[in-house]
């Protein structure tokens, strides 16, 4: 049995870019919110909760790595 998952022909894949308009520190949470149509404030609150519940250092390191890896939005 073979199962395949294909996007429909008119589906467009969104790309993750650092946000310029929903930027508080580096724009990581704002860009995640914009890409997945979630309120960036909710993403920030979830990030703060995870930071406090898992330890501050691991999530901060992850945040900084995301800031380095996620490309900046073009100036178009």
PDB file of N, CA and C in Angstrom:
ATOM      1  N   UNK A   1       0.841  -1.163   0.000  1.00  0.00           N
ATOM      2  CA  UNK A   1       0.000   0.000   0.000  1.00  0.00           C
ATOM      3  C   UNK A   1       0.894   1.237   0.000  1.00  0.00           C
ATOM      4  N   UNK A   2       0.601   2.155  -0.865  1.00  0.00           N
ATOM      5  CA  UNK A   2       1.389   3.376  -0.969  1.00  0.00           C
ATOM      6  C   UNK A   2       0.489   4.564  -0.691  1.00  0.00           C
ATOM      7  N   UNK A   3       0.923   5.396   0.204  1.00  0.00           N
ATOM      8  CA  UNK A   3       0.186   6.608   0.544  1.00  0.00           C
ATOM      9  C   UNK A   3       1.037   7.795   0.132  1.00  0.00           C
ATOM     10  N   UNK A   4       0.439   8.691  -0.615  1.00  0.00           N
ATOM     11  CA  UNK A   4       1.188   9.878  -1.012  1.00  0.00           C
ATOM     12  C   UNK A   4       0.396  11.116  -0.627  1.00  0.00           C
ATOM     13  N   UNK A   5       1.114  12.111  -0.227  1.00  0.00           N
ATOM     14  CA  UNK A   5       0.527  13.385   0.141  1.00  0.00           C
ATOM     15  C   UNK A   5       1.027  14.425  -0.839  1.00  0.00           C
ATOM     16  N   UNK A   6       0.100  15.015  -1.550  1.00  0.00           N
ATOM     17  CA  UNK A   6       0.472  16.050  -2.515  1.00  0.00           C
ATOM     18  C   UNK A   6      -0.349  17.297  -2.258  1.00  0.00           C
ATOM     19  N   UNK A   7       0.283  18.404  -2.431  1.00  0.00           N
ATOM     20  CA  UNK A   7      -0.441  19.668  -2.334  1.00  0.00           C
ATOM     21  C   UNK A   7      -1.233  19.867  -3.620  1.00  0.00           C
ATOM     22  N   UNK A   8      -2.353  20.505  -3.498  1.00  0.00           N
ATOM     23  CA  UNK A   8      -3.132  20.767  -4.700  1.00  0.00           C
ATOM     24  C   UNK A   8      -2.361  21.709  -5.613  1.00  0.00           C
ATOM     25  N   UNK A   9      -2.719  21.720  -6.871  1.00  0.00           N
ATOM     26  CA  UNK A   9      -1.985  22.508  -7.854  1.00  0.00           C
ATOM     27  C   UNK A   9      -1.982  23.995  -7.583  1.00  0.00           C
ATOM     28  N   UNK A  10      -3.009  24.508  -6.898  1.00  0.00           N
ATOM     29  CA  UNK A  10      -3.070  25.944  -6.670  1.00  0.00           C
ATOM     30  C   UNK A  10      -2.551  26.337  -5.279  1.00  0.00           C
ATOM     31  N   UNK A  11      -2.116  25.368  -4.494  1.00  0.00           N
ATOM     32  CA  UNK A  11      -1.585  25.682  -3.161  1.00  0.00           C
ATOM     33  C   UNK A  11      -0.193  26.295  -3.305  1.00  0.00           C
ATOM     34  N   UNK A  12       0.021  27.368  -2.579  1.00  0.00           N
ATOM     35  CA  UNK A  12       1.317  28.042  -2.638  1.00  0.00           C
ATOM     36  C   UNK A  12       2.003  27.915  -1.286  1.00  0.00           C
ATOM     37  N   UNK A  13       3.238  27.462  -1.305  1.00  0.00           N
ATOM     38  CA  UNK A  13       3.980  27.272  -0.071  1.00  0.00           C
ATOM     39  C   UNK A  13       4.508  28.613   0.431  1.00  0.00           C
ATOM     40  N   UNK A  14       4.261  28.895   1.709  1.00  0.00           N
ATOM     41  CA  UNK A  14       4.740  30.143   2.297  1.00  0.00           C
ATOM     42  C   UNK A  14       6.178  29.959   2.754  1.00  0.00           C
ATOM     43  N   UNK A  15       6.954  31.006   2.624  1.00  0.00           N
ATOM     44  CA  UNK A  15       8.341  30.971   3.091  1.00  0.00           C
ATOM     45  C   UNK A  15       8.469  31.818   4.340  1.00  0.00           C
ATOM     46  N   UNK A  16       9.349  31.398   5.210  1.00  0.00           N
ATOM     47  CA  UNK A  16       9.567  32.079   6.479  1.00  0.00           C
ATOM     48  C   UNK A  16      10.663  33.123   6.311  1.00  0.00           C
ATOM     49  N   UNK A  17      10.318  34.368   6.578  1.00  0.00           N
ATOM     50  CA  UNK A  17      11.265  35.482   6.552  1.00  0.00           C
ATOM     51  C   UNK A  17      11.137  36.263   7.849  1.00  0.00           C
ATOM     52  N   UNK A  18      12.212  36.913   8.272  1.00  0.00           N
ATOM     53  CA  UNK A  18      12.146  37.745   9.468  1.00  0.00           C
ATOM     54  C   UNK A  18      11.188  38.899   9.225  1.00  0.00           C
ATOM     55  N   UNK A  19      10.318  39.126  10.182  1.00  0.00           N
ATOM     56  CA  UNK A  19       9.297  40.161  10.051  1.00  0.00           C
ATOM     57  C   UNK A  19       9.894  41.544  10.273  1.00  0.00           C
ATOM     58  N   UNK A  20       9.411  42.493   9.492  1.00  0.00           N
ATOM     59  CA  UNK A  20       9.816  43.880   9.695  1.00  0.00           C
ATOM     60  C   UNK A  20       8.744  44.665  10.437  1.00  0.00           C
ATOM     61  N   UNK A  21       7.475  44.274  10.262  1.00  0.00           N
ATOM     62  CA  UNK A  21       6.402  45.040  10.892  1.00  0.00           C
ATOM     63  C   UNK A  21       5.996  44.487  12.255  1.00  0.00           C
ATOM     64  N   UNK A  22       6.200  43.203  12.524  1.00  0.00           N
ATOM     65  CA  UNK A  22       5.884  42.610  13.826  1.00  0.00           C
ATOM     66  C   UNK A  22       7.165  42.279  14.582  1.00  0.00           C
ATOM     67  N   UNK A  23       8.053  43.228  14.643  1.00  0.00           N
ATOM     68  CA  UNK A  23       9.374  43.009  15.219  1.00  0.00           C
ATOM     69  C   UNK A  23       9.447  43.639  16.605  1.00  0.00           C
ATOM     70  N   UNK A  24       9.784  42.823  17.606  1.00  0.00           N
ATOM     71  CA  UNK A  24      10.017  43.357  18.950  1.00  0.00           C
ATOM     72  C   UNK A  24      11.509  43.298  19.276  1.00  0.00           C
ATOM     73  N   UNK A  25      12.117  42.135  19.097  1.00  0.00           N
ATOM     74  CA  UNK A  25      13.554  42.016  19.333  1.00  0.00           C
ATOM     75  C   UNK A  25      14.263  41.786  17.998  1.00  0.00           C
ATOM     76  N   UNK A  26      14.097  40.593  17.426  1.00  0.00           N
ATOM     77  CA  UNK A  26      14.720  40.297  16.134  1.00  0.00           C
ATOM     78  C   UNK A  26      13.697  39.962  15.056  1.00  0.00           C
ATOM     79  N   UNK A  27      12.425  39.803  15.417  1.00  0.00           N
ATOM     80  CA  UNK A  27      11.385  39.506  14.445  1.00  0.00           C
ATOM     81  C   UNK A  27      11.102  38.034  14.236  1.00  0.00           C
ATOM     82  N   UNK A  28      11.666  37.160  15.079  1.00  0.00           N
ATOM     83  CA  UNK A  28      11.478  35.717  14.910  1.00  0.00           C
ATOM     84  C   UNK A  28      10.030  35.327  15.213  1.00  0.00           C
ATOM     85  N   UNK A  29       9.500  35.707  16.349  1.00  0.00           N
ATOM     86  CA  UNK A  29       8.119  35.351  16.719  1.00  0.00           C
ATOM     87  C   UNK A  29       7.116  36.003  15.776  1.00  0.00           C
ATOM     88  N   UNK A  30       7.376  37.227  15.376  1.00  0.00           N
ATOM     89  CA  UNK A  30       6.491  37.904  14.435  1.00  0.00           C
ATOM     90  C   UNK A  30       6.461  37.218  13.083  1.00  0.00           C
ATOM     91  N   UNK A  31       7.605  36.734  12.634  1.00  0.00           N
ATOM     92  CA  UNK A  31       7.642  36.056  11.344  1.00  0.00           C
ATOM     93  C   UNK A  31       6.940  34.707  11.400  1.00  0.00           C
ATOM     94  N   UNK A  32       7.051  33.991  12.514  1.00  0.00           N
ATOM     95  CA  UNK A  32       6.331  32.724  12.662  1.00  0.00           C
ATOM     96  C   UNK A  32       4.827  32.989  12.661  1.00  0.00           C
ATOM     97  N   UNK A  33       4.402  34.021  13.361  1.00  0.00           N
ATOM     98  CA  UNK A  33       2.995  34.374  13.382  1.00  0.00           C
ATOM     99  C   UNK A  33       2.464  34.772  12.014  1.00  0.00           C
ATOM    100  N   UNK A  34       3.221  35.562  11.273  1.00  0.00           N
ATOM    101  CA  UNK A  34       2.791  35.977   9.942  1.00  0.00           C
ATOM    102  C   UNK A  34       2.737  34.802   8.977  1.00  0.00           C
ATOM    103  N   UNK A  35       3.711  33.922   9.043  1.00  0.00           N
ATOM    104  CA  UNK A  35       3.776  32.801   8.115  1.00  0.00           C
ATOM    105  C   UNK A  35       2.624  31.823   8.320  1.00  0.00           C
ATOM    106  N   UNK A  36       2.296  31.534   9.570  1.00  0.00           N
ATOM    107  CA  UNK A  36       1.279  30.531   9.865  1.00  0.00           C
ATOM    108  C   UNK A  36      -0.068  31.145  10.258  1.00  0.00           C
ATOM    109  N   UNK A  37      -0.262  32.421   9.989  1.00  0.00           N
ATOM    110  CA  UNK A  37      -1.513  33.136  10.279  1.00  0.00           C
ATOM    111  C   UNK A  37      -1.950  32.988  11.729  1.00  0.00           C
ATOM    112  N   UNK A  38      -1.008  33.198  12.630  1.00  0.00           N
ATOM    113  CA  UNK A  38      -1.260  33.182  14.074  1.00  0.00           C
ATOM    114  C   UNK A  38      -0.920  34.578  14.587  1.00  0.00           C
ATOM    115  N   UNK A  39      -1.651  35.034  15.577  1.00  0.00           N
ATOM    116  CA  UNK A  39      -1.356  36.331  16.176  1.00  0.00           C
ATOM    117  C   UNK A  39       0.060  36.298  16.766  1.00  0.00           C
ATOM    118  N   UNK A  40       0.954  37.187  16.337  1.00  0.00           N
ATOM    119  CA  UNK A  40       2.323  37.183  16.851  1.00  0.00           C
ATOM    120  C   UNK A  40       2.405  37.324  18.369  1.00  0.00           C
ATOM    121  N   UNK A  41       1.421  37.985  18.977  1.00  0.00           N
ATOM    122  CA  UNK A  41       1.414  38.098  20.437  1.00  0.00           C
ATOM    123  C   UNK A  41       1.246  36.736  21.083  1.00  0.00           C
ATOM    124  N   UNK A  42       0.421  35.880  20.487  1.00  0.00           N
ATOM    125  CA  UNK A  42       0.249  34.519  21.006  1.00  0.00           C
ATOM    126  C   UNK A  42       1.540  33.724  20.870  1.00  0.00           C
ATOM    127  N   UNK A  43       2.240  33.903  19.762  1.00  0.00           N
ATOM    128  CA  UNK A  43       3.517  33.211  19.567  1.00  0.00           C
ATOM    129  C   UNK A  43       4.514  33.677  20.623  1.00  0.00           C
ATOM    130  N   UNK A  44       4.520  34.968  20.914  1.00  0.00           N
ATOM    131  CA  UNK A  44       5.426  35.496  21.940  1.00  0.00           C
ATOM    132  C   UNK A  44       5.082  34.948  23.324  1.00  0.00           C
ATOM    133  N   UNK A  45       3.776  34.873  23.640  1.00  0.00           N
ATOM    134  CA  UNK A  45       3.370  34.336  24.939  1.00  0.00           C
ATOM    135  C   UNK A  45       3.739  32.860  25.075  1.00  0.00           C
ATOM    136  N   UNK A  46       3.551  32.090  24.015  1.00  0.00           N
ATOM    137  CA  UNK A  46       3.949  30.678  24.037  1.00  0.00           C
ATOM    138  C   UNK A  46       5.451  30.558  24.194  1.00  0.00           C
ATOM    139  N   UNK A  47       6.202  31.430  23.528  1.00  0.00           N
ATOM    140  CA  UNK A  47       7.661  31.417  23.636  1.00  0.00           C
ATOM    141  C   UNK A  47       8.102  31.728  25.063  1.00  0.00           C
ATOM    142  N   UNK A  48       7.483  32.709  25.685  1.00  0.00           N
ATOM    143  CA  UNK A  48       7.830  33.058  27.067  1.00  0.00           C
ATOM    144  C   UNK A  48       7.495  31.913  28.005  1.00  0.00           C
ATOM    145  N   UNK A  49       6.321  31.280  27.811  1.00  0.00           N
ATOM    146  CA  UNK A  49       5.941  30.138  28.639  1.00  0.00           C
ATOM    147  C   UNK A  49       6.942  29.000  28.490  1.00  0.00           C
ATOM    148  N   UNK A  50       7.319  28.679  27.241  1.00  0.00           N
ATOM    149  CA  UNK A  50       8.297  27.612  27.019  1.00  0.00           C
ATOM    150  C   UNK A  50       9.659  27.966  27.603  1.00  0.00           C
ATOM    151  N   UNK A  51      10.008  29.228  27.516  1.00  0.00           N
ATOM    152  CA  UNK A  51      11.288  29.682  28.064  1.00  0.00           C
ATOM    153  C   UNK A  51      11.336  29.477  29.571  1.00  0.00           C
ATOM    154  N   UNK A  52      10.257  29.819  30.242  1.00  0.00           N
ATOM    155  CA  UNK A  52      10.220  29.688  31.702  1.00  0.00           C
ATOM    156  C   UNK A  52      10.060  28.238  32.145  1.00  0.00           C
ATOM    157  N   UNK A  53       9.372  27.420  31.356  1.00  0.00           N
ATOM    158  CA  UNK A  53       9.128  26.045  31.778  1.00  0.00           C
ATOM    159  C   UNK A  53      10.269  25.093  31.425  1.00  0.00           C
ATOM    160  N   UNK A  54      11.049  25.391  30.400  1.00  0.00           N
ATOM    161  CA  UNK A  54      12.136  24.492  30.002  1.00  0.00           C
ATOM    162  C   UNK A  54      13.511  25.000  30.413  1.00  0.00           C
ATOM    163  N   UNK A  55      13.586  26.169  30.912  1.00  0.00           N
ATOM    164  CA  UNK A  55      14.877  26.762  31.229  1.00  0.00           C
ATOM    165  C   UNK A  55      15.152  27.864  30.227  1.00  0.00           C
ATOM    166  N   UNK A  56      15.720  28.910  30.675  1.00  0.00           N
ATOM    167  CA  UNK A  56      15.891  30.091  29.833  1.00  0.00           C
ATOM    168  C   UNK A  56      16.953  29.893  28.754  1.00  0.00           C
ATOM    169  N   UNK A  57      18.063  29.296  29.097  1.00  0.00           N
ATOM    170  CA  UNK A  57      19.194  29.192  28.169  1.00  0.00           C
ATOM    171  C   UNK A  57      18.874  28.376  26.914  1.00  0.00           C
ATOM    172  N   UNK A  58      18.250  27.180  27.005  1.00  0.00           N
ATOM    173  CA  UNK A  58      17.989  26.421  25.768  1.00  0.00           C
ATOM    174  C   UNK A  58      17.109  27.164  24.769  1.00  0.00           C
ATOM    175  N   UNK A  59      16.079  27.825  25.249  1.00  0.00           N
ATOM    176  CA  UNK A  59      15.195  28.526  24.327  1.00  0.00           C
ATOM    177  C   UNK A  59      15.853  29.788  23.774  1.00  0.00           C
ATOM    178  N   UNK A  60      16.651  30.461  24.571  1.00  0.00           N
ATOM    179  CA  UNK A  60      17.367  31.633  24.054  1.00  0.00           C
ATOM    180  C   UNK A  60      18.361  31.237  22.967  1.00  0.00           C
ATOM    181  N   UNK A  61      19.046  30.121  23.166  1.00  0.00           N
ATOM    182  CA  UNK A  61      19.978  29.637  22.148  1.00  0.00           C
ATOM    183  C   UNK A  61      19.217  29.294  20.870  1.00  0.00           C
ATOM    184  N   UNK A  62      18.060  28.627  21.018  1.00  0.00           N
ATOM    185  CA  UNK A  62      17.230  28.294  19.864  1.00  0.00           C
ATOM    186  C   UNK A  62      16.743  29.549  19.164  1.00  0.00           C
ATOM    187  N   UNK A  63      16.346  30.563  19.924  1.00  0.00           N
ATOM    188  CA  UNK A  63      15.879  31.823  19.359  1.00  0.00           C
ATOM    189  C   UNK A  63      16.990  32.500  18.547  1.00  0.00           C
ATOM    190  N   UNK A  64      18.192  32.553  19.090  1.00  0.00           N
ATOM    191  CA  UNK A  64      19.307  33.189  18.382  1.00  0.00           C
ATOM    192  C   UNK A  64      19.703  32.407  17.138  1.00  0.00           C
ATOM    193  N   UNK A  65      19.645  31.074  17.200  1.00  0.00           N
ATOM    194  CA  UNK A  65      19.931  30.264  16.011  1.00  0.00           C
ATOM    195  C   UNK A  65      18.879  30.530  14.940  1.00  0.00           C
ATOM    196  N   UNK A  66      17.597  30.625  15.348  1.00  0.00           N
ATOM    197  CA  UNK A  66      16.539  30.933  14.388  1.00  0.00           C
ATOM    198  C   UNK A  66      16.764  32.302  13.765  1.00  0.00           C
ATOM    199  N   UNK A  67      17.196  33.272  14.563  1.00  0.00           N
ATOM    200  CA  UNK A  67      17.463  34.613  14.044  1.00  0.00           C
ATOM    201  C   UNK A  67      18.580  34.586  12.997  1.00  0.00           C
ATOM    202  N   UNK A  68      19.574  33.743  13.205  1.00  0.00           N
ATOM    203  CA  UNK A  68      20.690  33.648  12.263  1.00  0.00           C
ATOM    204  C   UNK A  68      20.274  32.907  10.997  1.00  0.00           C
ATOM    205  N   UNK A  69      19.454  31.853  11.138  1.00  0.00           N
ATOM    206  CA  UNK A  69      19.102  30.999  10.007  1.00  0.00           C
ATOM    207  C   UNK A  69      18.004  31.598   9.129  1.00  0.00           C
ATOM    208  N   UNK A  70      16.987  32.215   9.723  1.00  0.00           N
ATOM    209  CA  UNK A  70      15.853  32.729   8.958  1.00  0.00           C
ATOM    210  C   UNK A  70      16.308  33.943   8.149  1.00  0.00           C
ATOM    211  N   UNK A  71      16.074  33.926   6.827  1.00  0.00           N
ATOM    212  CA  UNK A  71      16.514  35.052   6.001  1.00  0.00           C
ATOM    213  C   UNK A  71      15.665  36.301   6.235  1.00  0.00           C
ATOM    214  N   UNK A  72      16.267  37.451   5.980  1.00  0.00           N
ATOM    215  CA  UNK A  72      15.545  38.714   6.087  1.00  0.00           C
ATOM    216  C   UNK A  72      14.611  38.861   4.894  1.00  0.00           C
ATOM    217  N   UNK A  73      13.497  39.535   5.096  1.00  0.00           N
ATOM    218  CA  UNK A  73      12.526  39.756   4.016  1.00  0.00           C
ATOM    219  C   UNK A  73      13.145  40.694   2.990  1.00  0.00           C
ATOM    220  N   UNK A  74      12.801  40.471   1.731  1.00  0.00           N
ATOM    221  CA  UNK A  74      13.311  41.348   0.690  1.00  0.00           C
ATOM    222  C   UNK A  74      12.648  42.710   0.780  1.00  0.00           C
ATOM    223  N   UNK A  75      13.217  43.690   0.160  1.00  0.00           N
ATOM    224  CA  UNK A  75      12.717  45.063   0.250  1.00  0.00           C
ATOM    225  C   UNK A  75      11.691  45.373  -0.829  1.00  0.00           C
ATOM    226  N   UNK A  76      11.005  44.382  -1.305  1.00  0.00           N
ATOM    227  CA  UNK A  76      10.017  44.590  -2.370  1.00  0.00           C
ATOM    228  C   UNK A  76       8.756  45.171  -1.819  1.00  0.00           C
TER     229      UNK A  76
END
